[in-house]
Amino acid sequence: MTLIETFGQNVRQARKDKGWTQEQLAFEAGVKRAYLSEVENGQRNVSLDVVEKLAKALDVSPDVLMVS
C-alpha cells in the first residue's frame, strides 16, 4: 500500500469516527467534497497544506494520518 492510499484510508476512518459525512469534513477543512473523495480513495496526492487542514478539522495530529 502506498503512502497516498494509507493517508486516504486514515482520513476516511478519522472522518467516520467523528460521524461526519464527506461534505461535513470538506466544509470544515475548506476543500471540495469531490477532492476529498479522491483523497480518501488514494487517487489524489495532497500538499502539506491540505494535510494540515484535514488534520486540524479532524482534531488529530498530521502524523496520525500518515502511519499505517
N, C-alpha and C. Protein backbone atom coordinates (compact mmCIF):
# COMPACT_ATOMS: atom_id res chain seq x y z
N MET A 1 0.85 -1.18 0.00
CA MET A 1 0.00 0.00 0.00
C MET A 1 0.90 1.24 0.00
N THR A 2 0.54 2.22 -0.81
CA THR A 2 1.33 3.45 -0.89
C THR A 2 0.96 4.40 0.25
N LEU A 3 1.81 5.39 0.47
CA LEU A 3 1.54 6.39 1.50
C LEU A 3 0.26 7.16 1.18
N ILE A 4 0.03 7.42 -0.10
CA ILE A 4 -1.19 8.14 -0.51
C ILE A 4 -2.43 7.31 -0.15
N GLU A 5 -2.38 6.01 -0.38
CA GLU A 5 -3.51 5.14 -0.04
C GLU A 5 -3.70 5.05 1.47
N THR A 6 -2.60 4.92 2.20
CA THR A 6 -2.67 4.87 3.67
C THR A 6 -3.27 6.15 4.21
N PHE A 7 -2.80 7.28 3.70
CA PHE A 7 -3.32 8.58 4.13
C PHE A 7 -4.82 8.65 3.89
N GLY A 8 -5.25 8.26 2.70
CA GLY A 8 -6.68 8.30 2.37
C GLY A 8 -7.52 7.43 3.29
N GLN A 9 -7.04 6.23 3.56
CA GLN A 9 -7.78 5.33 4.46
C GLN A 9 -7.85 5.91 5.87
N ASN A 10 -6.76 6.52 6.32
CA ASN A 10 -6.75 7.10 7.66
C ASN A 10 -7.68 8.31 7.76
N VAL A 11 -7.72 9.12 6.71
CA VAL A 11 -8.65 10.25 6.69
C VAL A 11 -10.08 9.74 6.75
N ARG A 12 -10.40 8.74 5.94
CA ARG A 12 -11.75 8.18 5.93
C ARG A 12 -12.13 7.63 7.31
N GLN A 13 -11.22 6.89 7.93
CA GLN A 13 -11.53 6.31 9.24
C GLN A 13 -11.71 7.40 10.29
N ALA A 14 -10.86 8.42 10.28
CA ALA A 14 -10.98 9.51 11.25
C ALA A 14 -12.29 10.26 11.04
N ARG A 15 -12.68 10.44 9.78
CA ARG A 15 -13.95 11.12 9.47
C ARG A 15 -15.13 10.29 9.99
N LYS A 16 -15.10 9.00 9.74
CA LYS A 16 -16.18 8.13 10.20
C LYS A 16 -16.23 8.07 11.72
N ASP A 17 -15.06 8.09 12.36
CA ASP A 17 -15.01 8.09 13.83
C ASP A 17 -15.71 9.31 14.41
N LYS A 18 -15.67 10.43 13.68
CA LYS A 18 -16.36 11.64 14.12
C LYS A 18 -17.84 11.63 13.73
N GLY A 19 -18.23 10.66 12.92
CA GLY A 19 -19.62 10.59 12.47
C GLY A 19 -19.94 11.61 11.40
N TRP A 20 -18.92 12.05 10.68
CA TRP A 20 -19.10 13.08 9.66
C TRP A 20 -19.25 12.48 8.27
N THR A 21 -19.97 13.20 7.43
CA THR A 21 -20.03 12.88 6.01
C THR A 21 -18.83 13.53 5.33
N GLN A 22 -18.61 13.15 4.08
CA GLN A 22 -17.54 13.81 3.31
C GLN A 22 -17.84 15.30 3.18
N GLU A 23 -19.09 15.66 3.01
CA GLU A 23 -19.45 17.07 2.87
C GLU A 23 -19.09 17.86 4.12
N GLN A 24 -19.35 17.26 5.30
CA GLN A 24 -19.03 17.96 6.55
C GLN A 24 -17.53 18.17 6.69
N LEU A 25 -16.73 17.14 6.43
CA LEU A 25 -15.29 17.28 6.55
C LEU A 25 -14.76 18.26 5.51
N ALA A 26 -15.25 18.16 4.29
CA ALA A 26 -14.80 19.07 3.24
C ALA A 26 -15.06 20.52 3.64
N PHE A 27 -16.23 20.79 4.19
CA PHE A 27 -16.56 22.14 4.63
C PHE A 27 -15.61 22.60 5.73
N GLU A 28 -15.42 21.75 6.74
CA GLU A 28 -14.56 22.11 7.88
C GLU A 28 -13.10 22.33 7.46
N ALA A 29 -12.65 21.58 6.47
CA ALA A 29 -11.25 21.67 6.03
C ALA A 29 -11.06 22.68 4.90
N GLY A 30 -12.16 23.16 4.33
CA GLY A 30 -12.05 24.14 3.25
C GLY A 30 -11.60 23.54 1.93
N VAL A 31 -12.05 22.30 1.67
CA VAL A 31 -11.75 21.66 0.39
C VAL A 31 -13.07 21.21 -0.24
N LYS A 32 -13.02 20.86 -1.51
CA LYS A 32 -14.23 20.39 -2.19
C LYS A 32 -14.49 18.92 -1.85
N ARG A 33 -15.76 18.55 -1.83
CA ARG A 33 -16.12 17.17 -1.49
C ARG A 33 -15.54 16.18 -2.49
N ALA A 34 -15.57 16.53 -3.77
CA ALA A 34 -15.04 15.63 -4.80
C ALA A 34 -13.53 15.41 -4.60
N TYR A 35 -12.83 16.46 -4.23
CA TYR A 35 -11.40 16.36 -3.95
C TYR A 35 -11.17 15.43 -2.76
N LEU A 36 -11.95 15.61 -1.70
CA LEU A 36 -11.83 14.77 -0.51
C LEU A 36 -12.10 13.31 -0.86
N SER A 37 -13.08 13.05 -1.71
CA SER A 37 -13.37 11.69 -2.14
C SER A 37 -12.16 11.06 -2.82
N GLU A 38 -11.51 11.82 -3.69
CA GLU A 38 -10.31 11.32 -4.37
C GLU A 38 -9.19 11.06 -3.38
N VAL A 39 -9.05 11.93 -2.37
CA VAL A 39 -8.04 11.73 -1.33
C VAL A 39 -8.32 10.43 -0.59
N GLU A 40 -9.55 10.25 -0.15
CA GLU A 40 -9.91 9.05 0.61
C GLU A 40 -9.74 7.77 -0.20
N ASN A 41 -9.87 7.86 -1.50
CA ASN A 41 -9.72 6.69 -2.36
C ASN A 41 -8.29 6.49 -2.84
N GLY A 42 -7.36 7.31 -2.32
CA GLY A 42 -5.95 7.17 -2.69
C GLY A 42 -5.66 7.56 -4.12
N GLN A 43 -6.50 8.42 -4.69
CA GLN A 43 -6.36 8.81 -6.08
C GLN A 43 -5.80 10.22 -6.24
N ARG A 44 -5.52 10.88 -5.13
CA ARG A 44 -5.08 12.28 -5.22
C ARG A 44 -3.91 12.51 -4.28
N ASN A 45 -2.85 13.08 -4.81
CA ASN A 45 -1.73 13.50 -3.98
C ASN A 45 -2.13 14.78 -3.28
N VAL A 46 -1.69 14.97 -2.05
CA VAL A 46 -2.08 16.15 -1.29
C VAL A 46 -0.85 16.97 -0.90
N SER A 47 -1.05 18.27 -0.77
CA SER A 47 0.02 19.14 -0.30
C SER A 47 0.06 19.10 1.22
N LEU A 48 1.16 19.57 1.78
CA LEU A 48 1.26 19.63 3.24
C LEU A 48 0.20 20.56 3.81
N ASP A 49 -0.18 21.57 3.05
CA ASP A 49 -1.22 22.49 3.49
C ASP A 49 -2.55 21.75 3.68
N VAL A 50 -2.88 20.87 2.75
CA VAL A 50 -4.12 20.10 2.85
C VAL A 50 -4.03 19.08 3.99
N VAL A 51 -2.87 18.46 4.16
CA VAL A 51 -2.69 17.53 5.28
C VAL A 51 -2.99 18.26 6.58
N GLU A 52 -2.45 19.46 6.71
CA GLU A 52 -2.66 20.26 7.93
C GLU A 52 -4.13 20.63 8.11
N LYS A 53 -4.80 21.04 7.04
CA LYS A 53 -6.21 21.41 7.11
C LYS A 53 -7.08 20.22 7.53
N LEU A 54 -6.82 19.06 6.94
CA LEU A 54 -7.61 17.88 7.27
C LEU A 54 -7.36 17.44 8.71
N ALA A 55 -6.11 17.45 9.12
CA ALA A 55 -5.77 17.05 10.49
C ALA A 55 -6.43 17.99 11.50
N LYS A 56 -6.37 19.28 11.22
CA LYS A 56 -6.98 20.26 12.13
C LYS A 56 -8.49 20.04 12.21
N ALA A 57 -9.14 19.86 11.07
CA ALA A 57 -10.59 19.66 11.05
C ALA A 57 -10.97 18.38 11.79
N LEU A 58 -10.13 17.35 11.68
CA LEU A 58 -10.41 16.07 12.32
C LEU A 58 -9.93 16.02 13.77
N ASP A 59 -9.23 17.08 14.18
CA ASP A 59 -8.70 17.18 15.55
C ASP A 59 -7.73 16.04 15.86
N VAL A 60 -6.83 15.79 14.90
CA VAL A 60 -5.77 14.80 15.08
C VAL A 60 -4.45 15.41 14.63
N SER A 61 -3.37 14.80 15.05
CA SER A 61 -2.04 15.22 14.61
C SER A 61 -1.83 14.75 13.17
N PRO A 62 -1.17 15.55 12.33
CA PRO A 62 -0.96 15.14 10.95
C PRO A 62 -0.27 13.78 10.82
N ASP A 63 0.64 13.46 11.74
CA ASP A 63 1.35 12.19 11.63
C ASP A 63 0.42 10.99 11.82
N VAL A 64 -0.67 11.18 12.55
CA VAL A 64 -1.64 10.10 12.74
C VAL A 64 -2.24 9.69 11.40
N LEU A 65 -2.37 10.64 10.50
CA LEU A 65 -2.97 10.36 9.19
C LEU A 65 -1.99 9.68 8.24
N MET A 66 -0.70 9.68 8.60
CA MET A 66 0.33 9.15 7.70
C MET A 66 0.73 7.71 7.99
N VAL A 67 0.49 7.23 9.20
CA VAL A 67 1.00 5.91 9.57
C VAL A 67 -0.05 4.82 9.37
N SER A 68 0.44 3.63 9.07
CA SER A 68 -0.49 2.51 8.87
C SER A 68 -0.68 1.72 10.15
